[in-house]
């Protein structure tokens, strides 16, 4: 095994990836190839150990490639500068919403040739695959994780508040009632909301979808903002009621993704909305007690249009990486991320290594590939599963039955960003005028859409 610094790539969301130009022929390197891969900051020792072991396995099978982890975590406020400054690792991850723009601007490498040569290239979930494809259908960025939004809840706080953790809220009225009871009985925030670093807009859009709304309408090449709507008005009024009528949201109204995960894992938050696959991050980065964790599907309003926002993570390679590095990256992503989902032996090896480091195996996630492949892969790792599957059942029993709706496709992160202060205003100003806030946001969003 080659010596690594005690660094590691995130098992749940961190990253490495992909492959070469439009050619499927592997380029020859004059000497060992060093591949810089993204590593999520803040992993615990177990996650680091599991990653290092996987690196050792990969390097043994590929003696001409050295893996060099580099700290990286996608955030809206830093990514653009990192991309422009050329400080990103050779392989890095981005959300689904960034894929098409990076491809159109050629800010990532065209690795479609090597990707198309992978044995499972035709098995990707069709809705998932679109996020990494160019206009002609060629895959420049590889989906490595997908999610549908979920309602996460703290079973310990539910019990302390006299609520049944095996019967989580099924409607938004239920969520409000449970949040109030948690706040009154425990003194903790019954429900918390993401509000910063574009996450405010992300979760507000999630709730809008659940109420039956959409934040944009696409007709041919024309995109129309749909923020000033009855659905989004109802969502903001619901939040306003939790905050000001019920006083059930605590005192922190400036949560980003990492901050709300930490607050939830430490027992300060009863419920919040985020991706359904958050369990791994909560355990490996936030020291969540497994016994405290609960997750259920999002409540959906009684409208045909109501659905669950879905997204995910793409692994991409820097446009500056040469062909040899790109080819090495494809080998890595095939080994580390995707092969374990399509090959029985690879799945067992990954699960065994992960479980040996006391990291989660078997947490729920939406399939990157078709459901048949996903169901089969779960059987391969059954003996290594070390997570509380029964506590996931309110989510896993119903997650495939809910309508999955893709995120907005035009100026996505920019619109999310302008919605952050809308949510913050409602939660920090008792007299916030929802109608005015949405009217102004709609006009700003339309200006963005008209420019792009």
Protein backbone atom coordinates (compact mmCIF):
# COMPACT_ATOMS: atom_id res chain seq x y z
CA UNK A 1 0.00 0.00 0.00
CA UNK A 2 1.23 3.48 -0.80
CA UNK A 3 1.45 5.81 2.17
CA UNK A 4 -1.35 8.35 2.48
CA UNK A 5 -1.73 11.23 4.80
CA UNK A 6 -4.68 10.62 7.12
CA UNK A 7 -7.01 12.08 4.56
CA UNK A 8 -10.12 10.69 3.07
CA UNK A 9 -12.79 11.19 0.60
CA UNK A 10 -16.32 11.47 1.82
CA UNK A 11 -18.06 8.14 1.76
CA UNK A 12 -21.48 9.78 1.48
CA UNK A 13 -21.02 12.81 -0.64
CA UNK A 14 -17.37 13.44 -1.39
CA UNK A 15 -15.71 12.47 -4.48
CA UNK A 16 -13.50 11.66 -7.27
CA UNK A 17 -13.90 10.96 -10.85
CA UNK A 18 -13.89 10.57 -14.36
CA UNK A 19 -12.40 10.00 -17.68
CA UNK A 20 -10.88 11.02 -20.85
CA UNK A 21 -11.64 12.98 -23.95
CA UNK A 22 -14.09 11.76 -26.57
CA UNK A 23 -11.84 8.82 -27.36
CA UNK A 24 -12.39 5.41 -25.76
CA UNK A 25 -8.74 4.45 -26.23
CA UNK A 26 -6.78 4.67 -23.00
CA UNK A 27 -3.80 7.02 -23.29
CA UNK A 28 -0.35 5.86 -22.24
CA UNK A 29 1.49 7.73 -19.50
CA UNK A 30 5.28 7.98 -19.34
CA UNK A 31 5.28 7.31 -15.58
CA UNK A 32 2.94 6.99 -12.61
CA UNK A 33 -0.14 9.21 -12.80
CA UNK A 34 -1.02 11.29 -9.76
CA UNK A 35 -4.77 11.77 -9.48
CA UNK A 36 -5.98 14.56 -7.19
CA UNK A 37 -9.39 13.65 -5.81
CA UNK A 38 -11.74 15.71 -3.69
CA UNK A 39 -11.96 14.86 -0.01
CA UNK A 40 -14.69 16.21 2.21
CA UNK A 41 -13.37 18.09 5.26
CA UNK A 42 -14.44 16.91 8.69
CA UNK A 43 -14.61 13.15 8.27
CA UNK A 44 -14.19 11.09 11.42
CA UNK A 45 -11.36 8.60 11.92
CA UNK A 46 -13.47 5.65 10.85
CA UNK A 47 -14.40 7.25 7.55
CA UNK A 48 -10.77 8.14 6.94
CA UNK A 49 -9.67 4.58 7.66
CA UNK A 50 -12.29 3.16 5.30
CA UNK A 51 -11.25 5.50 2.53
CA UNK A 52 -7.55 4.77 2.99
CA UNK A 53 -8.22 1.06 2.77
CA UNK A 54 -10.17 1.50 -0.46
CA UNK A 55 -7.31 3.60 -1.85
CA UNK A 56 -4.87 0.83 -0.98
CA UNK A 57 -7.05 -1.71 -2.78
CA UNK A 58 -7.30 0.52 -5.84
CA UNK A 59 -3.59 1.31 -6.02
CA UNK A 60 -2.70 -2.39 -5.68
CA UNK A 61 -4.89 -3.13 -8.70
CA UNK A 62 -3.60 -0.05 -10.57
CA UNK A 63 0.12 0.31 -9.74
CA UNK A 64 0.55 3.15 -12.24
CA UNK A 65 -1.86 5.47 -10.39
CA UNK A 66 -1.25 7.40 -7.15
CA UNK A 67 -4.32 8.83 -5.40
CA UNK A 68 -3.74 12.25 -3.80
CA UNK A 69 -6.70 13.53 -1.75
CA UNK A 70 -7.39 17.28 -1.66
CA UNK A 71 -9.88 18.93 0.67
CA UNK A 72 -12.94 20.13 -1.18
CA UNK A 73 -16.63 20.54 -0.47
CA UNK A 74 -18.97 22.20 -2.94
CA UNK A 75 -20.53 25.40 -1.64
CA UNK A 76 -22.25 28.02 -3.73
CA UNK A 77 -20.19 30.84 -2.25
CA UNK A 78 -16.78 29.37 -3.09
CA UNK A 79 -17.18 27.08 -6.09
CA UNK A 80 -17.22 29.74 -8.81
CA UNK A 81 -14.03 31.33 -7.51
CA UNK A 82 -12.31 27.95 -7.20
CA UNK A 83 -13.32 27.04 -10.74
CA UNK A 84 -12.09 30.34 -12.17
CA UNK A 85 -8.89 30.23 -10.15
CA UNK A 86 -8.00 26.69 -11.16
CA UNK A 87 -7.69 25.52 -7.56
CA UNK A 88 -10.07 22.58 -7.77
CA UNK A 89 -8.74 19.02 -7.63
CA UNK A 90 -8.57 16.96 -10.84
CA UNK A 91 -11.84 15.31 -9.93
CA UNK A 92 -14.59 17.00 -7.95
CA UNK A 93 -18.30 16.79 -7.34
CA UNK A 94 -21.09 19.25 -8.08
CA UNK A 95 -24.87 19.16 -7.60
CA UNK A 96 -27.07 18.05 -10.47
CA UNK A 97 -28.13 21.66 -11.01
CA UNK A 98 -24.61 22.67 -12.07
CA UNK A 99 -24.06 19.94 -14.63
CA UNK A 100 -25.60 21.37 -17.79
CA UNK A 101 -24.08 24.83 -17.32
CA UNK A 102 -20.56 23.46 -16.79
CA UNK A 103 -20.95 21.30 -19.88
CA UNK A 104 -22.27 24.11 -22.07
CA UNK A 105 -19.41 26.40 -21.03
CA UNK A 106 -16.87 23.55 -21.42
CA UNK A 107 -15.64 24.13 -17.87
CA UNK A 108 -15.24 20.40 -17.31
CA UNK A 109 -13.63 17.76 -19.50
CA UNK A 110 -15.59 15.84 -22.11
CA UNK A 111 -15.19 12.35 -20.67
CA UNK A 112 -18.10 10.89 -22.64
CA UNK A 113 -15.96 8.48 -24.65
CA UNK A 114 -14.63 6.58 -21.66
CA UNK A 115 -17.94 6.75 -19.83
CA UNK A 116 -19.76 5.18 -22.78
CA UNK A 117 -17.29 2.29 -22.65
CA UNK A 118 -18.18 1.37 -19.06
CA UNK A 119 -20.14 -1.91 -18.93
CA UNK A 120 -23.10 -0.35 -17.14
CA UNK A 121 -23.27 2.86 -19.21
CA UNK A 122 -26.77 2.04 -20.50
CA UNK A 123 -28.18 1.15 -17.07
CA UNK A 124 -28.31 4.63 -15.54
CA UNK A 125 -31.68 5.77 -14.27
CA UNK A 126 -32.91 7.90 -17.18
CA UNK A 127 -33.96 10.86 -15.03
CA UNK A 128 -30.64 10.76 -13.19
CA UNK A 129 -28.51 10.45 -16.33
CA UNK A 130 -29.87 13.69 -17.82
CA UNK A 131 -28.10 15.77 -15.18
CA UNK A 132 -24.68 14.84 -16.56
CA UNK A 133 -25.46 14.81 -20.26
CA UNK A 134 -24.75 17.37 -22.95
CA UNK A 135 -27.44 18.42 -25.40
CA UNK A 136 -26.52 15.52 -27.70
CA UNK A 137 -26.95 12.96 -24.91
CA UNK A 138 -23.25 12.30 -24.29
CA UNK A 139 -22.34 12.01 -20.61
CA UNK A 140 -19.67 14.50 -19.55
CA UNK A 141 -20.36 14.16 -15.81
CA UNK A 142 -21.20 10.93 -14.02
CA UNK A 143 -24.05 10.65 -11.49
CA UNK A 144 -22.70 9.06 -8.31
CA UNK A 145 -25.56 9.71 -5.89
CA UNK A 146 -29.22 10.64 -6.16
CA UNK A 147 -31.72 11.72 -3.56
CA UNK A 148 -35.33 12.60 -2.95
CA UNK A 149 -36.03 15.09 -0.19
CA UNK A 150 -37.23 13.73 3.14
CA UNK A 151 -38.33 14.81 6.60
CA UNK A 152 -35.68 13.92 9.18
CA UNK A 153 -36.71 13.71 12.82
CA UNK A 154 -35.09 13.08 16.17
CA UNK A 155 -36.65 10.03 17.80
CA UNK A 156 -35.31 10.95 21.23
CA UNK A 157 -36.96 14.37 21.15
CA UNK A 158 -40.17 12.79 19.89
CA UNK A 159 -40.22 10.48 22.91
CA UNK A 160 -39.39 13.33 25.31
CA UNK A 161 -42.29 15.32 23.86
CA UNK A 162 -44.73 12.43 24.19
CA UNK A 163 -44.85 11.72 20.44
CA UNK A 164 -44.65 8.26 18.87
CA UNK A 165 -41.42 8.07 16.82
CA UNK A 166 -42.82 5.11 14.89
CA UNK A 167 -45.70 7.27 13.64
CA UNK A 168 -44.06 10.40 12.18
CA UNK A 169 -46.08 13.32 10.79
CA UNK A 170 -48.02 12.56 7.59
CA UNK A 171 -49.24 16.09 6.75
CA UNK A 172 -47.79 19.58 7.09
CA UNK A 173 -50.39 20.28 9.78
CA UNK A 174 -49.01 17.24 11.62
CA UNK A 175 -45.48 18.62 11.28
CA UNK A 176 -46.59 21.94 12.74
CA UNK A 177 -48.38 20.28 15.65
CA UNK A 178 -45.41 18.02 16.41
CA UNK A 179 -42.98 20.94 16.21
CA UNK A 180 -45.03 22.93 18.72
CA UNK A 181 -45.24 19.99 21.10
CA UNK A 182 -41.48 19.37 20.91
CA UNK A 183 -40.71 23.03 21.55
CA UNK A 184 -43.09 23.22 24.52
CA UNK A 185 -42.04 19.92 26.13
CA UNK A 186 -38.28 19.95 25.50
CA UNK A 187 -37.30 23.59 24.95
CA UNK A 188 -35.61 22.60 21.65
CA UNK A 189 -36.48 23.76 18.14
CA UNK A 190 -39.35 21.58 17.00
CA UNK A 191 -38.63 22.33 13.35
CA UNK A 192 -35.73 24.18 11.71
CA UNK A 193 -35.25 25.53 8.21
CA UNK A 194 -32.19 25.93 6.01
CA UNK A 195 -31.80 29.58 5.01
CA UNK A 196 -28.26 30.40 3.83
CA UNK A 197 -25.74 29.60 1.08
CA UNK A 198 -28.55 28.97 -1.44
CA UNK A 199 -30.09 26.29 0.79
CA UNK A 200 -32.93 28.60 1.76
CA UNK A 201 -34.09 28.67 -1.84
CA UNK A 202 -33.45 24.96 -2.22
CA UNK A 203 -35.69 23.95 0.68
CA UNK A 204 -38.28 26.62 -0.10
CA UNK A 205 -38.52 25.13 -3.61
CA UNK A 206 -38.82 21.67 -2.02
CA UNK A 207 -41.79 22.79 0.06
CA UNK A 208 -43.31 24.54 -2.96
CA UNK A 209 -43.19 21.25 -4.90
CA UNK A 210 -44.77 19.42 -1.97
CA UNK A 211 -47.62 21.93 -1.97
CA UNK A 212 -48.14 21.39 -5.70
CA UNK A 213 -46.29 24.44 -7.02
CA UNK A 214 -43.34 24.96 -9.35
CA UNK A 215 -40.86 27.82 -9.31
CA UNK A 216 -40.52 28.06 -13.10
CA UNK A 217 -42.44 27.24 -16.28
CA UNK A 218 -40.58 26.21 -19.41
CA UNK A 219 -42.20 26.60 -22.83
CA UNK A 220 -39.87 25.95 -25.75
CA UNK A 221 -36.88 28.25 -25.01
CA UNK A 222 -38.85 30.59 -22.77
CA UNK A 223 -38.51 30.29 -18.98
CA UNK A 224 -41.04 32.08 -16.80
CA UNK A 225 -40.60 32.63 -13.05
CA UNK A 226 -43.42 31.21 -10.94
CA UNK A 227 -42.58 32.50 -7.47
CA UNK A 228 -45.52 34.80 -6.80
CA UNK A 229 -48.04 31.95 -6.46
CA UNK A 230 -50.67 30.69 -4.00
CA UNK A 231 -48.54 27.60 -3.27
CA UNK A 232 -45.41 29.51 -2.32
CA UNK A 233 -47.50 31.99 -0.36
CA UNK A 234 -48.96 29.09 1.63
CA UNK A 235 -45.49 27.68 2.31
CA UNK A 236 -44.18 30.99 3.67
CA UNK A 237 -47.33 31.50 5.75
CA UNK A 238 -46.83 28.01 7.22
CA UNK A 239 -43.27 28.91 8.18
CA UNK A 240 -44.41 32.24 9.57
CA UNK A 241 -46.99 30.49 11.75
CA UNK A 242 -44.41 28.04 13.12
CA UNK A 243 -42.06 30.90 13.90
CA UNK A 244 -44.29 33.63 15.23
CA UNK A 245 -47.58 32.01 16.30
CA UNK A 246 -46.13 28.79 17.73
CA UNK A 247 -42.57 29.84 18.65
CA UNK A 248 -41.46 26.33 17.68
CA UNK A 249 -38.38 27.05 15.53
CA UNK A 250 -35.81 27.93 18.16
CA UNK A 251 -33.55 30.97 17.84
CA UNK A 252 -31.20 30.17 14.93
CA UNK A 253 -32.52 31.30 11.55
CA UNK A 254 -29.24 31.29 9.62
CA UNK A 255 -28.60 27.60 9.05
CA UNK A 256 -26.47 26.24 6.24
CA UNK A 257 -26.33 22.51 5.40
CA UNK A 258 -23.46 21.69 7.74
CA UNK A 259 -24.86 23.78 10.56
CA UNK A 260 -28.32 22.27 10.55
CA UNK A 261 -26.90 18.75 10.36
CA UNK A 262 -24.78 19.42 13.44
CA UNK A 263 -27.69 20.96 15.35
CA UNK A 264 -29.91 18.01 14.48
CA UNK A 265 -27.30 15.39 15.37
CA UNK A 266 -26.64 17.04 18.74
CA UNK A 267 -30.33 16.99 19.67
CA UNK A 268 -31.07 20.69 19.23
CA UNK A 269 -33.58 20.24 16.39
CA UNK A 270 -36.61 17.98 16.26
CA UNK A 271 -37.28 17.99 12.51
CA UNK A 272 -35.89 19.43 9.29
CA UNK A 273 -36.12 18.84 5.54
CA UNK A 274 -33.12 17.75 3.48
CA UNK A 275 -31.99 14.94 1.19
CA UNK A 276 -33.20 11.48 2.14
CA UNK A 277 -29.68 10.06 2.06
CA UNK A 278 -28.31 12.27 4.83
CA UNK A 279 -27.79 9.47 7.36
CA UNK A 280 -24.21 8.70 6.31
CA UNK A 281 -23.11 12.32 6.63
CA UNK A 282 -24.85 12.74 9.97
CA UNK A 283 -23.02 9.72 11.39
CA UNK A 284 -19.56 10.20 9.88
CA UNK A 285 -19.34 13.97 10.23
CA UNK A 286 -21.73 14.93 13.01
CA UNK A 287 -21.56 11.98 15.46
CA UNK A 288 -25.28 11.27 15.26
CA UNK A 289 -26.49 8.55 17.64
CA UNK A 290 -28.15 5.98 15.37
CA UNK A 291 -30.86 5.27 17.92
CA UNK A 292 -31.98 8.92 17.75
CA UNK A 293 -32.51 8.98 13.99
CA UNK A 294 -35.81 8.87 12.16
CA UNK A 295 -36.73 9.70 8.58
CA UNK A 296 -39.99 9.74 6.66
CA UNK A 297 -41.27 10.82 3.28
CA UNK A 298 -42.29 14.43 2.74
CA UNK A 299 -45.97 15.15 3.27
CA UNK A 300 -47.59 16.01 -0.07
CA UNK A 301 -50.60 18.28 -0.53
CA UNK A 302 -53.66 16.69 -2.10
CA UNK A 303 -52.90 17.91 -5.63
CA UNK A 304 -51.84 15.91 -8.69
CA UNK A 305 -48.87 18.25 -9.15
CA UNK A 306 -47.51 17.70 -5.63
CA UNK A 307 -44.17 15.94 -5.72
CA UNK A 308 -40.77 15.46 -4.15
CA UNK A 309 -37.80 17.49 -5.29
CA UNK A 310 -35.05 15.18 -6.44
CA UNK A 311 -31.42 15.86 -7.16
CA UNK A 312 -28.01 14.41 -6.62
CA UNK A 313 -24.28 14.60 -7.09
CA UNK A 314 -22.21 14.49 -10.27
CA UNK A 315 -18.55 13.55 -10.39
CA UNK A 316 -16.65 15.67 -12.87
CA UNK A 317 -13.07 16.13 -14.04
CA UNK A 318 -11.23 19.38 -14.52
CA UNK A 319 -10.99 20.67 -18.06
CA UNK A 320 -7.28 21.22 -17.35
CA UNK A 321 -6.55 17.55 -16.61
CA UNK A 322 -4.61 15.77 -19.34
CA UNK A 323 -5.79 12.58 -21.02
CA UNK A 324 -3.78 10.25 -18.78
CA UNK A 325 -5.21 11.83 -15.65
CA UNK A 326 -8.72 11.64 -17.06
CA UNK A 327 -8.28 7.95 -17.85
CA UNK A 328 -7.01 7.30 -14.32
CA UNK A 329 -10.01 9.15 -12.94
CA UNK A 330 -12.43 6.90 -14.82
CA UNK A 331 -10.75 3.86 -13.33
CA UNK A 332 -11.11 5.37 -9.87
CA UNK A 333 -14.75 6.31 -10.17
CA UNK A 334 -15.56 2.93 -11.65
CA UNK A 335 -13.85 1.24 -8.68
CA UNK A 336 -14.88 3.54 -5.84
CA UNK A 337 -18.38 4.72 -6.69
CA UNK A 338 -20.12 2.76 -9.40
CA UNK A 339 -18.74 -0.76 -9.56
CA UNK A 340 -20.06 -1.47 -6.08
CA UNK A 341 -23.56 -0.77 -7.39
CA UNK A 342 -23.32 -3.11 -10.38
CA UNK A 343 -20.93 -5.93 -9.43
CA UNK A 344 -21.53 -8.43 -6.61
CA UNK A 345 -17.88 -8.92 -5.66
CA UNK A 346 -17.16 -5.19 -5.72
CA UNK A 347 -20.27 -4.49 -3.63
CA UNK A 348 -19.24 -7.05 -1.03
CA UNK A 349 -15.67 -5.73 -0.84
CA UNK A 350 -16.81 -2.15 -0.41
CA UNK A 351 -19.41 -3.08 2.21
CA UNK A 352 -16.95 -5.27 4.13
CA UNK A 353 -14.30 -2.54 4.17
CA UNK A 354 -16.81 0.13 5.17
CA UNK A 355 -18.38 -1.97 7.92
CA UNK A 356 -14.95 -2.94 9.30
CA UNK A 357 -14.32 0.77 9.91
CA UNK A 358 -17.69 1.03 11.66
CA UNK A 359 -19.12 3.23 8.92
CA UNK A 360 -22.76 3.00 7.77
CA UNK A 361 -23.73 0.30 5.29
CA UNK A 362 -27.30 0.08 4.01
CA UNK A 363 -28.59 3.63 4.50
CA UNK A 364 -31.44 4.55 2.12
CA UNK A 365 -30.77 6.22 -1.20
CA UNK A 366 -32.47 6.62 -4.54
CA UNK A 367 -30.93 4.45 -7.28
CA UNK A 368 -28.38 5.89 -9.69
CA UNK A 369 -29.18 2.89 -11.88
CA UNK A 370 -32.53 1.24 -12.60
CA UNK A 371 -34.51 -0.10 -9.64
CA UNK A 372 -33.84 -3.74 -10.51
CA UNK A 373 -30.08 -3.15 -10.29
CA UNK A 374 -30.57 -1.26 -7.02
CA UNK A 375 -32.68 -4.00 -5.42
CA UNK A 376 -30.16 -6.64 -6.47
CA UNK A 377 -27.26 -4.66 -5.01
CA UNK A 378 -28.98 -4.47 -1.63
CA UNK A 379 -28.99 -8.25 -1.50
CA UNK A 380 -25.25 -8.39 -2.14
CA UNK A 381 -24.45 -6.39 1.02
CA UNK A 382 -27.17 -7.70 3.31
CA UNK A 383 -24.76 -9.42 5.70
CA UNK A 384 -22.80 -6.19 6.22
CA UNK A 385 -25.72 -3.84 6.88
CA UNK A 386 -25.15 -2.05 10.19
CA UNK A 387 -27.80 0.67 10.20
CA UNK A 388 -31.23 0.71 11.90
CA UNK A 389 -33.31 -0.34 8.89
CA UNK A 390 -36.56 -0.38 10.87
CA UNK A 391 -36.12 3.31 11.66
CA UNK A 392 -35.88 4.07 7.93
CA UNK A 393 -39.09 2.27 6.99
CA UNK A 394 -41.38 5.34 7.06
CA UNK A 395 -39.15 6.59 4.21
CA UNK A 396 -38.03 3.44 2.38
CA UNK A 397 -41.51 1.88 2.30
CA UNK A 398 -42.88 4.88 0.38
CA UNK A 399 -39.99 6.63 -1.36
CA UNK A 400 -40.60 4.94 -4.71
CA UNK A 401 -44.32 5.71 -4.61
CA UNK A 402 -43.91 9.48 -4.59
CA UNK A 403 -43.69 11.57 -7.75
CA UNK A 404 -40.07 12.70 -8.14
CA UNK A 405 -39.69 16.16 -9.69
CA UNK A 406 -36.36 17.48 -10.94
CA UNK A 407 -34.98 20.73 -9.64
CA UNK A 408 -35.54 23.91 -11.66
CA UNK A 409 -33.29 23.83 -14.73
CA UNK A 410 -32.70 27.54 -15.48
CA UNK A 411 -30.47 29.77 -13.31
CA UNK A 412 -31.10 27.31 -10.51
CA UNK A 413 -28.50 28.34 -7.96
CA UNK A 414 -28.98 32.03 -8.73
CA UNK A 415 -32.72 31.78 -8.03
CA UNK A 416 -32.08 29.76 -4.89
CA UNK A 417 -29.74 32.52 -3.75
CA UNK A 418 -32.29 35.29 -4.18
CA UNK A 419 -34.83 33.25 -2.20
CA UNK A 420 -32.52 32.93 0.82
CA UNK A 421 -33.32 36.44 2.14
CA UNK A 422 -37.04 35.86 1.50
CA UNK A 423 -37.06 32.96 3.96
CA UNK A 424 -34.79 34.82 6.38
CA UNK A 425 -37.09 37.84 6.35
CA UNK A 426 -40.17 35.76 7.19
CA UNK A 427 -38.35 34.10 10.09
CA UNK A 428 -36.73 37.23 11.53
CA UNK A 429 -39.33 39.95 10.88
CA UNK A 430 -42.76 39.39 12.39
CA UNK A 431 -44.25 41.99 10.05
CA UNK A 432 -42.68 40.61 6.86
CA UNK A 433 -45.00 41.17 3.89
CA UNK A 434 -45.09 37.80 2.12
CA UNK A 435 -46.95 39.15 -0.90
CA UNK A 436 -44.39 41.91 -1.44
CA UNK A 437 -41.44 39.59 -0.87
CA UNK A 438 -42.68 37.14 -3.48
CA UNK A 439 -43.58 39.84 -5.99
CA UNK A 440 -40.08 41.30 -5.79
CA UNK A 441 -38.42 37.86 -5.89
CA UNK A 442 -40.47 36.91 -8.94
CA UNK A 443 -39.30 40.01 -10.80
CA UNK A 444 -35.67 39.35 -9.86
CA UNK A 445 -35.93 35.72 -10.92
CA UNK A 446 -37.47 36.66 -14.26
CA UNK A 447 -34.61 39.05 -14.93
CA UNK A 448 -32.17 36.21 -14.29
CA UNK A 449 -34.08 33.85 -16.55
CA UNK A 450 -34.24 36.41 -19.34
CA UNK A 451 -30.46 36.81 -19.28
CA UNK A 452 -29.74 33.08 -19.49
